[in-house]
Amino acid sequence: MEIYDHPTFRMACQQFDLVADHLQIPHDERDRLKLPKRALTVALPIHRDDGSTQVLFGYRVQHFLTLGPTKGGLRFHPDVQLGEVAALAMWMSWKCALTGLPYGGAKGGVACDPTTMSKTELERLTRRYTQEMIPFIGPQVDVMAPDLGTNEQVMAWMMDTYSVHAGHTVPSIVTGKPVGLGGSLGRREATGRGVAYLVNRATDTIGLDIGKSTAVVQGYGNVGSIAALSLARYGAKVIAVSDVRGGIYNENGLDLFALERHVASRRTVLGFPEAQPISNEQLLLLPCDILVPAALERQITQANAGQIKCRILAEAANGPTTPEADAILNQRPEVFVIPDVLCNAGGVIVSYFEWVQDLQSFFWGETEIVDKLFRLLETAFTQVLAASRKQKISMRLAALSLGVKRVQEAKRIRGLFP
């Protein structure tokens, strides 16, 4: 366990232990469910544009392979560590099981700052990382996707590197690719669309009129921006958003189309002329109906969980709420939590659709994809809500219990070899 020591991994383990106690999982089965199947650390020497050579460190954690290949994103971020990656892989396992996907969870990362690297440097890094991973990845082994700091172009480089090694084009090695290389329509928007769909379902559940609601989004990246636009289409008024540099606030609502143009030119929400600046800490405490943390882990903590002023907490990020904060929120029935393993599952669901389309070389239209996405999310939401009400447990415990139980049953049925 020491190799995974990291606050986020400890948090994931705390969540698992609560679920294991609730499900009364025998203690001799718990480590097999919790600990990753495989963890890789690789050194990545690359040439920088100035002629120097730099060695970066890359990671890949595959949590379990009982139900099929592992699935999970690849992030480029300065703070990437093995323990964080292991936690994200574990959460992905429960997420895939909850939504009925034939995957185990995985996650990868490289400790680097992509904002300081040129396109050619990023390409060298991506290709080197892929080359080091080739013995451990494949369409039936481990399928990567974009995450924080990576995008469609990075996936295209990964696909090309693997395909050159295989001697033929292998589009199913990654998802989140450009559509012209076998990517799926609707993949980029999938997570944000899913967040908004589930928020809309939650408003029905608690009797809130979404057309008269206000929303706050922390993290105005791909997921946060699509979630904001999608919520606005449902009728919600988005009053504040933020990115890594800070936030902006307008109590009368933000013009999201004007904001999109501003972000496209400035690369930040800061300086938007139709709003006042606000810190990320202040943003989380704004009075609103819908709060969407779509940034990094551990944003809702023991320090602020009692002060948030929302009706719906929609966790678009992975692990935004600590177990200590959960204990506080469990004592606040006025806050309806859509847990991360359900709330942000839209991305991996449409990644699954992309993988299936690549394997069949038969592609679907965007309307069909969105319809299938909402059907799977509806099924998962209904099951989690029913379990929460029947067992009188939190939405998070209900969601995690459904995911963990399905993995436990799969491992039990397959048995232990030899």
Protein backbone atom coordinates (compact mmCIF):
# COMPACT_ATOMS: atom_id res chain seq x y z
CA MET A 1 0.00 0.00 0.00
CA GLU A 2 2.92 2.35 0.65
CA ILE A 3 3.62 2.79 -3.07
CA TYR A 4 0.16 4.32 -3.50
CA ASP A 5 0.37 6.62 -0.49
CA HIS A 6 -1.40 9.80 -1.57
CA PRO A 7 -4.33 11.79 -0.10
CA THR A 8 -6.58 10.91 -3.04
CA PHE A 9 -5.83 7.18 -2.80
CA ARG A 10 -6.44 7.24 0.95
CA MET A 11 -9.74 8.95 0.21
CA ALA A 12 -10.74 6.29 -2.34
CA CYS A 13 -9.82 3.57 0.17
CA GLN A 14 -11.93 5.25 2.87
CA GLN A 15 -14.90 5.24 0.52
CA PHE A 16 -14.32 1.58 -0.37
CA ASP A 17 -14.04 0.57 3.29
CA LEU A 18 -17.40 2.20 4.04
CA VAL A 19 -18.96 0.34 1.13
CA ALA A 20 -17.33 -2.95 2.15
CA ASP A 21 -18.70 -2.57 5.68
CA HIS A 22 -22.16 -1.77 4.29
CA LEU A 23 -22.09 -4.81 1.98
CA GLN A 24 -20.48 -6.97 4.69
CA ILE A 25 -17.74 -8.08 2.31
CA PRO A 26 -15.48 -10.67 4.01
CA HIS A 27 -12.17 -9.15 5.03
CA ASP A 28 -10.15 -11.69 3.05
CA GLU A 29 -11.86 -10.47 -0.17
CA ARG A 30 -11.37 -6.75 0.36
CA ASP A 31 -7.76 -6.31 -0.73
CA ARG A 32 -8.45 -8.25 -3.92
CA LEU A 33 -11.22 -5.79 -4.78
CA LYS A 34 -9.38 -2.68 -3.65
CA LEU A 35 -5.76 -3.04 -4.77
CA PRO A 36 -4.86 -2.49 -8.44
CA LYS A 37 -4.06 -5.47 -10.63
CA ARG A 38 -1.09 -3.72 -12.23
CA ALA A 39 0.80 -0.46 -11.72
CA LEU A 40 3.50 0.81 -14.08
CA THR A 41 6.03 3.60 -13.67
CA VAL A 42 8.15 4.57 -16.66
CA ALA A 43 10.95 7.06 -17.29
CA LEU A 44 10.33 9.16 -20.39
CA PRO A 45 13.41 10.87 -21.84
CA ILE A 46 12.47 13.41 -24.51
CA HIS A 47 14.30 16.01 -26.58
CA ARG A 48 13.22 19.57 -25.83
CA ASP A 49 13.13 22.15 -28.58
CA ASP A 50 16.24 23.86 -27.20
CA GLY A 51 18.27 20.68 -27.79
CA SER A 52 18.34 19.55 -24.17
CA THR A 53 17.12 16.18 -22.92
CA GLN A 54 14.62 15.94 -20.07
CA VAL A 55 13.41 12.81 -18.26
CA LEU A 56 9.77 12.87 -17.17
CA PHE A 57 7.88 10.19 -15.24
CA GLY A 58 4.77 8.46 -16.51
CA TYR A 59 2.29 6.13 -14.81
CA ARG A 60 -0.46 3.69 -15.72
CA VAL A 61 -2.62 1.81 -13.23
CA GLN A 62 -4.96 -0.99 -14.29
CA HIS A 63 -7.33 -1.73 -11.45
CA PHE A 64 -8.95 -5.01 -12.54
CA LEU A 65 -9.44 -7.00 -15.74
CA THR A 66 -12.19 -9.42 -14.67
CA LEU A 67 -14.97 -8.09 -16.90
CA GLY A 68 -12.96 -7.03 -19.94
CA PRO A 69 -10.17 -4.59 -20.87
CA THR A 70 -9.39 -1.72 -18.56
CA LYS A 71 -10.54 1.76 -19.54
CA GLY A 72 -9.47 5.17 -18.38
CA GLY A 73 -8.00 8.52 -19.26
CA LEU A 74 -4.45 9.83 -19.60
CA ARG A 75 -3.66 13.14 -17.94
CA PHE A 76 -0.70 15.49 -18.36
CA HIS A 77 -0.39 17.59 -15.20
CA PRO A 78 2.48 18.75 -12.94
CA ASP A 79 0.97 17.11 -9.83
CA VAL A 80 0.43 13.62 -11.27
CA GLN A 81 1.55 10.91 -8.84
CA LEU A 82 1.10 7.14 -8.74
CA GLY A 83 -1.28 7.22 -5.77
CA GLU A 84 -3.56 9.76 -7.43
CA VAL A 85 -3.63 7.69 -10.62
CA ALA A 86 -4.45 4.54 -8.60
CA ALA A 87 -7.39 6.26 -6.92
CA LEU A 88 -8.78 7.44 -10.24
CA ALA A 89 -8.44 3.91 -11.64
CA MET A 90 -10.37 2.51 -8.69
CA TRP A 91 -13.20 5.03 -9.14
CA MET A 92 -13.32 4.18 -12.84
CA SER A 93 -13.87 0.51 -11.93
CA TRP A 94 -16.93 1.31 -9.85
CA LYS A 95 -18.19 3.73 -12.50
CA CYS A 96 -17.97 1.17 -15.32
CA ALA A 97 -19.63 -1.50 -13.21
CA LEU A 98 -22.40 0.87 -12.13
CA THR A 99 -23.27 1.74 -15.72
CA GLY A 100 -22.96 -1.86 -16.94
CA LEU A 101 -19.91 -1.41 -19.18
CA PRO A 102 -17.66 -4.47 -19.83
CA TYR A 103 -14.55 -2.73 -18.50
CA GLY A 104 -12.30 -2.54 -15.51
CA GLY A 105 -10.95 0.82 -14.40
CA ALA A 106 -7.60 2.31 -15.37
CA LYS A 107 -5.87 5.67 -15.34
CA GLY A 108 -2.61 7.08 -16.64
CA GLY A 109 -0.62 10.23 -16.26
CA VAL A 110 2.63 12.04 -16.90
CA ALA A 111 4.03 14.54 -14.40
CA CYS A 112 4.55 17.54 -16.68
CA ASP A 113 3.12 20.97 -17.43
CA PRO A 114 1.69 20.80 -20.96
CA THR A 115 1.11 24.57 -21.01
CA THR A 116 4.90 25.10 -21.08
CA MET A 117 5.53 22.58 -23.87
CA SER A 118 5.42 23.10 -27.61
CA LYS A 119 3.28 20.91 -29.87
CA THR A 120 6.35 19.02 -31.07
CA GLU A 121 7.48 18.39 -27.49
CA LEU A 122 4.03 17.10 -26.57
CA GLU A 123 4.10 14.79 -29.57
CA ARG A 124 7.52 13.39 -28.58
CA LEU A 125 6.29 12.86 -25.03
CA THR A 126 3.06 11.16 -26.14
CA ARG A 127 4.80 8.83 -28.56
CA ARG A 128 7.47 7.89 -25.99
CA TYR A 129 4.84 7.20 -23.33
CA THR A 130 2.83 5.05 -25.78
CA GLN A 131 5.94 3.12 -26.81
CA GLU A 132 6.73 2.32 -23.17
CA MET A 133 3.13 1.15 -22.61
CA ILE A 134 2.83 -1.11 -25.69
CA PRO A 135 3.44 -4.41 -23.79
CA PHE A 136 0.55 -3.56 -21.45
CA ILE A 137 -2.11 -1.98 -23.69
CA GLY A 138 -4.34 -3.13 -26.54
CA PRO A 139 -8.01 -3.06 -27.65
CA GLN A 140 -8.71 -6.11 -25.44
CA VAL A 141 -6.24 -5.19 -22.68
CA ASP A 142 -6.29 -1.45 -21.87
CA VAL A 143 -7.90 1.40 -23.83
CA MET A 144 -6.89 5.00 -23.08
CA ALA A 145 -8.81 8.25 -23.50
CA PRO A 146 -8.22 11.99 -23.02
CA ASP A 147 -8.22 13.53 -19.56
CA LEU A 148 -6.83 16.64 -17.90
CA GLY A 149 -4.17 18.23 -20.13
CA THR A 150 -4.72 15.85 -23.07
CA ASN A 151 -7.05 16.00 -26.07
CA GLU A 152 -8.03 14.50 -29.43
CA GLN A 153 -4.60 15.25 -30.91
CA VAL A 154 -2.81 13.36 -28.15
CA MET A 155 -5.09 10.37 -28.78
CA ALA A 156 -4.31 10.56 -32.52
CA TRP A 157 -0.57 10.40 -31.78
CA MET A 158 -1.12 7.44 -29.46
CA MET A 159 -3.18 5.60 -32.07
CA ASP A 160 -0.54 6.23 -34.74
CA THR A 161 2.32 5.05 -32.52
CA TYR A 162 0.52 1.83 -31.60
CA SER A 163 -0.60 1.25 -35.20
CA VAL A 164 2.96 1.63 -36.54
CA HIS A 165 4.06 -1.00 -34.00
CA ALA A 166 1.20 -3.34 -34.98
CA GLY A 167 1.79 -2.88 -38.71
CA HIS A 168 -1.81 -1.90 -39.41
CA THR A 169 -4.30 0.75 -38.30
CA VAL A 170 -5.79 0.02 -34.87
CA PRO A 171 -8.40 2.73 -34.13
CA SER A 172 -9.81 0.83 -31.11
CA ILE A 173 -6.60 1.29 -29.10
CA VAL A 174 -7.82 4.68 -27.80
CA THR A 175 -11.08 6.61 -27.59
CA GLY A 176 -11.63 10.34 -27.76
CA LYS A 177 -9.90 10.46 -31.16
CA PRO A 178 -10.76 12.90 -33.96
CA VAL A 179 -13.87 11.72 -35.81
CA GLY A 180 -11.85 11.44 -39.03
CA LEU A 181 -9.67 8.73 -37.42
CA GLY A 182 -12.51 6.63 -36.06
CA GLY A 183 -13.61 8.84 -33.21
CA SER A 184 -17.25 8.99 -32.19
CA LEU A 185 -19.63 11.86 -32.75
CA GLY A 186 -20.62 13.34 -29.41
CA ARG A 187 -17.60 12.03 -27.47
CA ARG A 188 -16.16 15.44 -26.58
CA GLU A 189 -19.50 16.70 -25.28
CA ALA A 190 -20.54 13.45 -23.58
CA THR A 191 -19.45 14.11 -19.99
CA GLY A 192 -20.90 17.62 -19.83
CA ARG A 193 -24.13 16.54 -21.50
CA GLY A 194 -24.46 13.68 -19.06
CA VAL A 195 -23.95 16.01 -16.09
CA ALA A 196 -26.73 18.31 -17.31
CA TYR A 197 -29.08 15.40 -18.03
CA LEU A 198 -28.64 14.03 -14.51
CA VAL A 199 -29.08 17.48 -12.97
CA ASN A 200 -32.33 17.81 -14.88
CA ARG A 201 -33.45 14.41 -13.51
CA ALA A 202 -32.43 15.51 -10.01
CA THR A 203 -34.53 18.68 -10.28
CA ASP A 204 -37.54 16.49 -11.10
CA THR A 205 -36.72 14.29 -8.11
CA ILE A 206 -36.60 17.13 -5.56
CA GLY A 207 -39.33 19.26 -7.16
CA LEU A 208 -37.09 22.11 -8.35
CA ASP A 209 -38.06 24.07 -11.48
CA ILE A 210 -34.87 24.02 -13.55
CA GLY A 211 -36.21 26.92 -15.64
CA LYS A 212 -36.03 29.13 -12.55
CA SER A 213 -32.79 27.75 -11.15
CA THR A 214 -29.28 29.22 -10.87
CA ALA A 215 -26.08 27.28 -11.48
CA VAL A 216 -22.40 27.68 -10.53
CA VAL A 217 -19.65 25.74 -12.32
CA GLN A 218 -16.14 25.33 -10.89
CA GLY A 219 -13.73 24.36 -13.65
CA TYR A 220 -14.55 25.84 -17.05
CA GLY A 221 -12.68 23.27 -19.14
CA ASN A 222 -14.18 20.85 -21.61
CA VAL A 223 -16.54 19.22 -19.10
CA GLY A 224 -17.48 22.37 -17.21
CA SER A 225 -18.13 24.49 -20.28
CA ILE A 226 -20.32 21.85 -21.96
CA ALA A 227 -22.17 21.27 -18.68
CA ALA A 228 -22.81 25.02 -18.37
CA LEU A 229 -24.10 25.34 -21.94
CA SER A 230 -26.26 22.22 -21.55
CA LEU A 231 -27.72 23.45 -18.26
CA ALA A 232 -28.54 26.76 -19.94
CA ARG A 233 -30.41 24.87 -22.68
CA TYR A 234 -32.51 23.22 -19.96
CA GLY A 235 -33.34 26.71 -18.72
CA ALA A 236 -30.91 27.19 -15.82
CA LYS A 237 -29.20 30.55 -15.35
CA VAL A 238 -25.42 30.16 -14.98
CA ILE A 239 -24.26 32.91 -12.62
CA ALA A 240 -20.60 31.99 -12.01
CA VAL A 241 -17.78 29.92 -13.50
CA SER A 242 -14.07 29.54 -12.80
CA ASP A 243 -10.83 28.08 -14.11
CA VAL A 244 -7.35 27.59 -12.62
CA ARG A 245 -6.74 31.36 -12.62
CA GLY A 246 -9.92 32.35 -10.80
CA GLY A 247 -13.61 32.92 -11.38
CA ILE A 248 -16.22 35.37 -12.61
CA TYR A 249 -19.69 36.14 -11.27
CA ASN A 250 -22.81 37.92 -12.51
CA GLU A 251 -25.93 37.52 -10.40
CA ASN A 252 -28.08 38.23 -13.48
CA GLY A 253 -26.51 35.38 -15.42
CA LEU A 254 -23.54 35.04 -17.75
CA ASP A 255 -23.77 35.33 -21.52
CA LEU A 256 -22.20 31.93 -22.22
CA PHE A 257 -21.80 32.48 -25.96
CA ALA A 258 -19.92 35.74 -25.36
CA LEU A 259 -17.90 33.95 -22.68
CA GLU A 260 -16.98 31.19 -25.15
CA ARG A 261 -15.57 33.79 -27.54
CA HIS A 262 -13.67 35.43 -24.68
CA VAL A 263 -12.14 32.11 -23.55
CA ALA A 264 -11.20 31.23 -27.13
CA SER A 265 -9.17 34.43 -27.43
CA ARG A 266 -7.85 34.84 -23.85
CA ARG A 267 -7.53 31.18 -22.73
CA THR A 268 -9.17 32.11 -19.41
CA VAL A 269 -12.49 33.31 -18.05
CA LEU A 270 -10.72 36.14 -16.22
CA GLY A 271 -11.20 39.57 -17.71
CA PHE A 272 -14.67 38.84 -19.06
CA PRO A 273 -16.16 42.33 -19.18
CA GLU A 274 -19.72 41.39 -18.21
CA ALA A 275 -18.86 39.93 -14.81
CA GLN A 276 -16.92 40.64 -11.63
CA PRO A 277 -13.95 38.55 -10.46
CA ILE A 278 -14.40 35.99 -7.70
CA SER A 279 -12.05 33.43 -6.15
CA ASN A 280 -12.56 29.68 -6.44
CA GLU A 281 -13.12 29.51 -2.69
CA GLN A 282 -15.84 32.20 -2.82
CA LEU A 283 -17.43 30.58 -5.87
CA LEU A 284 -18.06 27.30 -4.05
CA LEU A 285 -19.98 29.16 -1.34
CA LEU A 286 -22.24 31.24 -3.60
CA PRO A 287 -25.99 30.82 -3.02
CA CYS A 288 -27.29 28.79 -5.99
CA ASP A 289 -29.58 25.90 -6.84
CA ILE A 290 -27.00 23.82 -8.73
CA LEU A 291 -23.30 23.58 -7.86
CA VAL A 292 -21.09 21.73 -10.35
CA PRO A 293 -17.50 21.06 -9.20
CA ALA A 294 -15.78 20.15 -12.49
CA ALA A 295 -12.15 20.77 -11.55
CA LEU A 296 -9.76 18.62 -9.47
CA GLU A 297 -10.20 16.30 -6.50
CA ARG A 298 -10.90 17.30 -2.89
CA GLN A 299 -12.62 20.65 -3.46
CA ILE A 300 -15.57 20.12 -1.08
CA THR A 301 -13.90 19.56 2.28
CA GLN A 302 -14.67 19.49 5.98
CA ALA A 303 -13.93 23.22 6.02
CA ASN A 304 -16.57 24.28 3.49
CA ALA A 305 -19.12 21.42 3.29
CA GLY A 306 -21.29 23.00 5.96
CA GLN A 307 -21.29 26.35 4.15
CA ILE A 308 -22.20 25.47 0.57
CA LYS A 309 -25.58 26.90 -0.36
CA CYS A 310 -26.93 24.70 -3.16
CA ARG A 311 -29.86 22.32 -3.61
CA ILE A 312 -28.04 19.98 -6.01
CA LEU A 313 -24.33 19.10 -5.86
CA ALA A 314 -23.44 17.58 -9.24
CA GLU A 315 -19.94 16.09 -9.10
CA ALA A 316 -18.61 16.48 -12.63
CA ALA A 317 -15.02 16.04 -11.38
CA ASN A 318 -13.57 12.83 -9.96
CA GLY A 319 -13.44 12.79 -6.17
CA PRO A 320 -14.35 16.44 -5.53
CA THR A 321 -15.85 15.67 -2.10
CA THR A 322 -13.78 14.25 0.76
CA PRO A 323 -15.19 11.57 3.13
CA GLU A 324 -15.14 14.13 5.95
CA ALA A 325 -17.24 16.48 3.82
CA ASP A 326 -19.55 13.59 2.97
CA ALA A 327 -20.26 13.06 6.65
CA ILE A 328 -21.37 16.68 6.88
CA LEU A 329 -23.46 16.54 3.70
CA ASN A 330 -25.17 13.38 4.95
CA GLN A 331 -26.54 15.55 7.76
CA ARG A 332 -27.88 18.08 5.24
CA PRO A 333 -30.89 16.44 3.52
CA GLU A 334 -31.60 19.68 1.66
CA VAL A 335 -28.52 19.03 -0.52
CA PHE A 336 -29.10 16.34 -3.18
CA VAL A 337 -25.74 14.85 -4.21
CA ILE A 338 -25.19 13.29 -7.64
CA PRO A 339 -21.99 11.33 -6.90
CA ASP A 340 -19.06 11.43 -9.31
CA VAL A 341 -19.18 7.75 -10.31
CA LEU A 342 -22.65 8.45 -11.71
CA CYS A 343 -22.53 12.16 -12.55
CA ASN A 344 -19.51 12.15 -14.87
CA ALA A 345 -20.08 8.68 -16.36
CA GLY A 346 -21.16 10.12 -19.73
CA GLY A 347 -17.57 10.30 -20.95
CA VAL A 348 -16.75 6.63 -20.44
CA ILE A 349 -20.16 5.57 -21.77
CA VAL A 350 -19.59 7.29 -25.11
CA SER A 351 -15.97 6.09 -25.08
CA TYR A 352 -17.47 2.60 -24.89
CA PHE A 353 -19.69 3.44 -27.86
CA GLU A 354 -16.60 4.63 -29.78
CA TRP A 355 -14.71 1.42 -28.96
CA VAL A 356 -17.66 -0.70 -30.13
CA GLN A 357 -17.96 1.30 -33.36
CA ASP A 358 -14.22 0.92 -34.05
CA LEU A 359 -14.32 -2.84 -33.45
CA GLN A 360 -17.25 -3.21 -35.84
CA SER A 361 -16.12 -0.55 -38.35
CA PHE A 362 -19.74 0.62 -38.26
CA PHE A 363 -20.52 4.13 -37.06
CA TRP A 364 -23.65 5.70 -35.60
CA GLY A 365 -25.18 9.14 -35.95
CA GLU A 366 -24.96 11.66 -33.11
CA THR A 367 -28.70 11.51 -32.36
CA GLU A 368 -28.46 7.75 -31.83
CA ILE A 369 -25.39 8.16 -29.63
CA VAL A 370 -26.98 10.80 -27.41
CA ASP A 371 -30.15 8.72 -27.11
CA LYS A 372 -28.16 5.64 -26.05
CA LEU A 373 -26.14 7.77 -23.60
CA PHE A 374 -29.24 9.15 -21.89
CA ARG A 375 -30.81 5.68 -21.72
CA LEU A 376 -27.82 4.24 -19.85
CA LEU A 377 -27.63 7.24 -17.52
CA GLU A 378 -31.37 7.00 -16.84
CA THR A 379 -31.05 3.33 -15.91
CA ALA A 380 -28.13 3.99 -13.57
CA PHE A 381 -29.78 7.04 -11.97
CA THR A 382 -33.00 5.14 -11.35
CA GLN A 383 -31.15 2.20 -9.78
CA VAL A 384 -29.04 4.44 -7.52
CA LEU A 385 -32.03 6.51 -6.41
CA ALA A 386 -34.07 3.37 -5.68
CA ALA A 387 -31.23 1.84 -3.64
CA SER A 388 -30.72 5.10 -1.74
CA ARG A 389 -34.39 5.34 -0.79
CA LYS A 390 -34.94 1.66 -0.05
CA GLN A 391 -31.86 1.28 2.15
CA LYS A 392 -32.00 4.84 3.54
CA ILE A 393 -28.39 5.51 2.55
CA SER A 394 -26.68 8.38 0.73
CA MET A 395 -26.63 8.55 -3.06
CA ARG A 396 -22.84 8.05 -2.98
CA LEU A 397 -23.02 4.93 -0.83
CA ALA A 398 -25.81 3.60 -3.04
CA ALA A 399 -23.87 4.21 -6.27
CA LEU A 400 -20.59 2.80 -4.96
CA SER A 401 -22.36 -0.21 -3.45
CA LEU A 402 -23.95 -1.12 -6.78
CA GLY A 403 -20.59 -0.84 -8.57
CA VAL A 404 -18.52 -2.68 -5.96
CA LYS A 405 -21.08 -5.48 -5.60
CA ARG A 406 -21.07 -6.15 -9.35
CA VAL A 407 -17.27 -6.38 -9.39
CA GLN A 408 -17.30 -8.63 -6.32
CA GLU A 409 -19.84 -10.96 -7.93
CA ALA A 410 -17.84 -11.14 -11.17
CA LYS A 411 -14.66 -12.06 -9.31
CA ARG A 412 -16.52 -14.65 -7.21
CA ILE A 413 -18.06 -16.32 -10.27
CA ARG A 414 -14.76 -16.47 -12.17
CA GLY A 415 -12.92 -17.76 -9.12
CA LEU A 416 -9.24 -17.47 -8.22
CA PHE A 417 -6.61 -18.99 -10.54
CA PRO A 418 -4.93 -21.36 -9.92
